[in-house]
Protein backbone atom coordinates (compact mmCIF):
# COMPACT_ATOMS: atom_id res chain seq x y z
CA MET A 1 62.26 109.35 182.35
CA ARG A 2 63.48 111.65 179.71
CA LYS A 3 66.89 111.55 178.21
CA PHE A 4 68.27 114.57 176.57
CA LEU A 5 70.73 114.47 173.72
CA LYS A 6 74.06 115.67 174.77
CA MET A 7 75.81 118.38 172.84
CA PRO A 8 78.61 116.88 170.72
CA SER A 9 82.11 117.54 171.74
CA PRO A 10 84.02 120.21 169.82
CA ALA A 11 86.04 117.49 168.00
CA MET A 12 82.83 115.74 166.90
CA ALA A 13 81.36 119.05 165.67
CA VAL A 14 84.45 119.73 163.54
CA ALA A 15 84.37 116.17 162.14
CA LEU A 16 80.67 116.47 161.18
CA ILE A 17 81.22 119.85 159.52
CA ALA A 18 84.18 118.42 157.56
CA LEU A 19 82.07 115.43 156.49
CA PHE A 20 79.21 117.60 155.16
CA VAL A 21 81.57 120.02 153.39
CA GLY A 22 83.49 117.13 151.83
CA LEU A 23 80.37 115.42 150.54
CA SER A 24 78.81 118.57 149.11
CA GLY A 25 82.13 119.73 147.61
CA SER A 26 82.65 116.57 145.51
CA ALA A 27 79.05 116.69 144.34
CA ALA A 28 79.56 120.26 143.24
CA ALA A 29 82.82 119.27 141.52
CA VAL A 30 81.08 116.45 139.63
CA THR A 31 78.31 118.84 138.57
CA VAL A 32 80.83 121.42 137.36
CA ALA A 33 82.87 118.79 135.48
CA TYR A 34 79.72 117.40 133.86
CA ALA A 35 78.56 120.85 132.76
CA MET A 36 82.00 121.74 131.37
CA ASN A 37 82.05 118.55 129.20
CA SER A 38 78.39 118.54 128.17
CA ASP A 39 79.29 119.26 124.51
CA LYS A 40 81.76 116.37 124.25
CA VAL A 41 81.44 112.74 123.23
CA ASP A 42 84.44 110.54 123.98
CA GLY A 43 86.43 113.71 124.57
CA LYS A 44 85.50 115.24 121.19
CA HIS A 45 83.55 118.48 120.89
CA ALA A 46 80.33 118.40 118.90
CA VAL A 47 78.76 120.98 116.61
CA GLY A 48 75.28 121.34 115.14
CA TYR A 49 74.07 120.25 111.70
CA GLY A 50 74.34 123.74 110.21
CA ALA A 51 77.90 124.46 111.40
CA SER A 52 80.34 125.78 108.79
CA LEU A 53 83.17 123.65 107.39
CA SER A 54 85.74 125.51 109.48
CA ALA A 55 83.66 125.12 112.66
CA ARG A 56 83.30 121.35 112.01
CA LYS A 57 87.01 120.65 111.56
CA GLY A 58 88.09 117.93 114.03
CA LYS A 59 84.67 117.76 115.71
CA LEU A 60 81.61 115.54 115.76
CA VAL A 61 78.72 116.76 113.61
CA ALA A 62 75.06 116.33 114.51
CA THR A 63 72.59 114.82 112.03
CA SER A 64 69.61 116.70 110.64
CA SER A 65 66.61 116.84 112.95
CA THR A 66 64.30 116.37 109.94
CA ASN A 67 65.86 113.44 108.07
CA GLY A 68 68.53 112.09 110.45
CA ARG A 69 71.30 112.44 107.87
CA LEU A 70 74.63 114.21 107.92
CA PRO A 71 75.07 117.41 105.89
CA THR A 72 75.54 116.68 102.17
CA ASN A 73 78.93 118.36 102.08
CA ILE A 74 80.38 116.42 105.02
CA VAL A 75 82.39 114.03 102.84
CA ARG A 76 84.36 115.47 99.97
CA ASN A 77 83.33 113.81 96.74
CA ALA A 78 86.72 112.53 95.65
CA GLY A 79 85.45 111.38 92.33
CA VAL A 80 82.36 109.67 91.05
CA ASP A 81 80.75 110.34 87.69
CA PHE A 82 77.78 108.54 86.17
CA LYS A 83 75.99 108.64 82.83
CA THR A 84 72.86 106.95 81.52
CA ILE A 85 73.06 105.87 77.89
CA ALA A 86 70.11 105.58 75.50
CA VAL A 87 71.38 105.43 71.92
CA THR A 88 69.14 103.99 69.20
CA ASN A 89 70.35 103.03 65.72
CA ALA A 90 73.62 104.95 65.96
CA ASP A 91 76.30 104.58 63.31
CA VAL A 92 79.10 102.77 65.17
CA ASP A 93 81.49 102.29 62.23
CA PRO A 94 83.95 103.84 62.95
CA ALA A 95 83.94 103.65 66.77
CA VAL A 96 81.94 106.28 68.67
CA ASN A 97 81.72 107.48 72.26
CA VAL A 98 78.26 106.75 73.60
CA ALA A 99 79.12 108.38 76.96
CA THR A 100 81.90 110.39 78.58
CA VAL A 101 82.70 110.77 82.29
CA THR A 102 85.31 112.90 84.04
CA ILE A 103 86.95 112.26 87.40
CA LYS A 104 88.91 114.82 89.41
CA ALA A 105 91.38 112.70 91.37
CA PRO A 106 92.66 114.49 94.50
CA SER A 107 95.72 112.21 94.60
CA ALA A 108 97.27 109.28 92.79
CA GLY A 109 95.06 106.22 92.77
CA PHE A 110 92.77 104.08 90.63
CA VAL A 111 89.62 104.70 88.62
CA VAL A 112 87.21 101.80 88.25
CA LEU A 113 84.96 102.00 85.17
CA HIS A 114 81.69 100.04 84.86
CA PHE A 115 79.94 99.92 81.47
CA ASP A 116 76.81 97.75 81.85
CA GLY A 117 73.56 97.38 79.97
CA PHE A 118 71.93 96.09 76.82
CA GLY A 119 73.30 96.26 73.28
CA SER A 120 71.80 95.41 69.92
CA PRO A 121 73.95 95.19 66.80
CA ALA A 122 72.59 95.21 63.26
CA ALA A 123 72.11 91.82 61.63
CA SER A 124 75.43 90.34 60.44
CA ASP A 125 77.49 92.79 62.58
CA ARG A 126 79.63 92.21 65.66
CA LEU A 127 79.26 95.05 68.17
CA THR A 128 82.21 95.72 70.47
CA LEU A 129 81.57 97.66 73.70
CA ALA A 130 84.41 98.89 75.90
CA ALA A 131 85.24 101.29 78.71
CA SER A 132 88.35 103.18 77.61
CA ASN A 133 90.66 106.06 78.44
CA VAL A 134 90.98 106.90 74.73
CA SER A 135 88.23 108.75 72.87
CA GLN A 136 86.46 106.75 70.15
CA ASP A 137 88.90 103.90 70.48
CA TRP A 138 89.66 100.74 72.43
CA THR A 139 92.39 98.14 72.33
CA PRO A 140 92.27 94.41 72.93
CA ASN A 141 94.50 95.02 75.95
CA ASP A 142 91.75 97.15 77.53
CA GLY A 143 89.36 94.24 77.36
CA ASN A 144 85.93 94.55 75.82
CA VAL A 145 82.61 92.82 75.30
CA THR A 146 81.32 91.69 71.92
CA LEU A 147 77.75 91.00 70.88
CA ASP A 148 76.70 89.20 67.69
CA VAL A 149 73.03 89.42 68.65
CA ALA A 150 71.05 91.64 71.02
CA GLY A 151 71.83 90.97 74.67
CA SER A 152 73.06 92.25 78.00
CA PHE A 153 76.72 93.06 78.66
CA SER A 154 79.03 94.15 81.46
CA HIS A 155 82.54 95.52 81.14
CA THR A 156 84.74 96.66 84.03
CA ARG A 157 88.13 98.30 83.63
CA VAL A 158 90.64 99.73 86.14
CA TYR A 159 93.10 102.50 85.31
CA HIS A 160 95.96 103.91 87.40
CA VAL A 161 95.71 107.71 87.57
CA SER A 162 97.73 110.62 88.90
CA ALA A 163 96.20 113.58 90.73
CA GLY A 164 94.13 115.77 88.42
CA SER A 165 91.31 115.56 85.91
CA HIS A 166 90.83 112.39 83.81
CA THR A 167 88.22 111.67 81.14
CA PHE A 168 86.97 108.19 80.23
CA TYR A 169 84.76 106.92 77.43
CA ALA A 170 82.10 104.29 76.83
CA VAL A 171 82.90 103.18 73.28
CA ALA A 172 80.68 101.31 70.80
CA HIS A 173 82.16 99.94 67.57
CA ARG A 174 81.11 97.64 64.77
CA PHE A 175 84.25 95.56 64.84
CA ILE A 176 83.42 93.25 61.95
CA GLY A 177 80.41 92.43 59.84
CA SER A 178 78.53 93.08 56.65
CA GLY A 179 75.44 94.66 58.17
CA SER A 180 74.38 98.31 58.28
CA GLY A 181 76.86 99.35 60.99
CA LEU A 182 74.01 100.66 63.16
CA ALA A 183 73.58 99.65 66.78
CA SER A 184 71.53 100.50 69.86
CA VAL A 185 72.95 100.75 73.37
CA TYR A 186 70.97 101.23 76.59
CA ALA A 187 73.35 101.25 79.53
CA THR A 188 75.01 103.00 82.43
CA PHE A 189 78.61 104.18 82.56
CA THR A 190 80.14 104.81 85.97
CA ALA A 191 83.61 105.93 87.02
CA GLN A 192 84.74 105.87 90.64
CA PHE A 193 88.06 107.05 92.11
CA PHE A 194 89.94 105.18 94.86
CA ALA A 195 93.03 106.67 96.47
CA ALA A 196 96.22 104.64 96.43
CA ARG A 197 97.28 103.31 99.81
CA LEU A 198 100.33 104.96 101.30
């Protein structure tokens, strides 16, 4: 005995049509919403590695496809300067600058100076090494490092600065002694700016 399916009632037909339209409509809405936000991460738009500065403002920036790094100009260099020093048998009496660095501070803040390396005074001389904000000079209040014989040294100094350009000096000086007044310095001199907290 064969049973035939009965035609659905008009109310059932309307309910089934509404069900299929409702299901396909929300799927379409999800697809549209996904496509509209495909260039966002956490609600932020993204731009490619080569985008201009103005196009990148307030957006996420993609890394390079070749090295995986951000563009080199993505972070403004607020102020770092670095010098390598290789001075042999220099006359350090009176005091001399063995290196000079300049920082362009975008706002008020601090500059941290690091003067590190190896120094060698002449026999019977005391060599003073200092990071300073005064050319060819240093003061005891700035702190310093003294060497009576060849050896390594490290001097760090912090200065408060206003916005603008500031120059700093790595100074070598025969402070006392009866030797030749010559010295050798092999070192690095680094200045780094840090903005003051508001």
